[in-house]
Protein backbone atom coordinates (compact mmCIF):
# COMPACT_ATOMS: atom_id res chain seq x y z
CA MET A 1 32.42 16.60 30.97
CA LEU A 2 33.84 17.87 27.69
CA ALA A 3 31.53 15.51 25.79
CA GLU A 4 28.55 17.33 27.30
CA ALA A 5 29.73 20.82 26.28
CA PRO A 6 27.58 22.48 23.59
CA LYS A 7 29.00 22.25 20.10
CA LEU A 8 29.35 25.41 18.04
CA GLU A 9 29.10 23.66 14.68
CA VAL A 10 26.41 25.09 12.48
CA ARG A 11 24.77 22.66 10.11
CA LYS A 12 22.65 24.16 7.41
CA LYS A 13 19.53 22.22 6.58
CA THR A 14 18.25 22.31 3.06
CA TYR A 15 14.53 22.45 2.47
CA VAL A 16 12.67 21.81 -0.75
CA ALA A 17 9.82 24.16 -1.58
CA ILE A 18 6.45 22.52 -2.10
CA SER A 19 4.95 23.46 -5.45
CA GLY A 20 1.39 24.61 -5.95
CA GLU A 21 -0.87 26.94 -4.04
CA ILE A 22 -2.08 26.57 -0.48
CA PRO A 23 -5.77 25.59 -0.56
CA SER A 24 -8.34 27.94 0.94
CA PRO A 25 -9.26 26.99 4.52
CA LEU A 26 -12.77 28.25 3.75
CA ASP A 27 -13.16 25.96 0.72
CA PRO A 28 -10.67 23.07 1.06
CA PRO A 29 -10.43 20.44 -1.68
CA PRO A 30 -12.27 17.14 -1.16
CA GLY A 31 -10.40 14.21 0.36
CA CYS A 32 -6.97 14.93 1.77
CA HIS A 33 -6.55 18.69 1.91
CA PHE A 34 -2.88 18.33 0.94
CA HIS A 35 -3.37 16.17 -2.20
CA PRO A 36 -3.12 19.04 -4.74
CA ARG A 37 0.45 19.76 -3.53
CA CYS A 38 1.58 16.23 -2.57
CA PRO A 39 4.06 14.48 -4.90
CA HIS A 40 2.83 11.10 -3.57
CA ALA A 41 -0.93 11.70 -4.01
CA MET A 42 -2.95 8.68 -5.11
CA PRO A 43 -6.51 8.57 -6.51
CA ARG A 44 -7.73 7.65 -3.01
CA CYS A 45 -6.36 10.96 -1.68
CA ARG A 46 -8.73 12.94 -3.89
CA VAL A 47 -11.88 11.37 -2.42
CA GLU A 48 -11.08 10.10 1.09
CA SER A 49 -9.71 12.14 3.97
CA PRO A 50 -7.00 10.17 5.86
CA ALA A 51 -7.40 9.45 9.58
CA LEU A 52 -4.86 10.74 12.08
CA LYS A 53 -2.76 7.79 13.30
CA GLU A 54 0.09 7.42 15.75
CA ILE A 55 2.96 6.07 13.63
CA ALA A 56 5.57 6.14 16.42
CA PRO A 57 5.45 7.14 20.08
CA LEU A 58 4.13 10.73 20.13
CA ARG A 59 4.41 10.97 16.29
CA PHE A 60 1.17 11.37 14.36
CA SER A 61 0.39 11.42 10.66
CA ALA A 62 -2.73 11.73 8.53
CA CYS A 63 -1.68 10.12 5.25
CA HIS A 64 -2.93 7.16 3.23
CA LEU A 65 0.68 6.11 2.65
CA ASN A 66 0.72 4.93 6.28
CA ASP A 67 -1.89 2.30 5.38
CA GLN A 68 0.42 0.58 2.90
CA PRO A 69 2.52 -2.38 4.12
C-alpha cells in the first residue's frame, strides 16, 4: 500500500521558448503554419501543409518529419 501513496517530490520541468512571432490566424503562412518558428523546417514545409496522422495510439501529429523513415 505504501507504494501507491502519492509522492510529494516536486520535479521542475524546463521548457525552451520558441523563437519568432506567432503567425496571424487571419493570414497564416503558406504550407505548414508552424514552419516560420520550427527549428526543423524543410523546404517542403513552406509549400505543403502536413496531414494529421496518428503516430501512436491516441497520439496525433501534423509534421512532415513523420513521413521520413
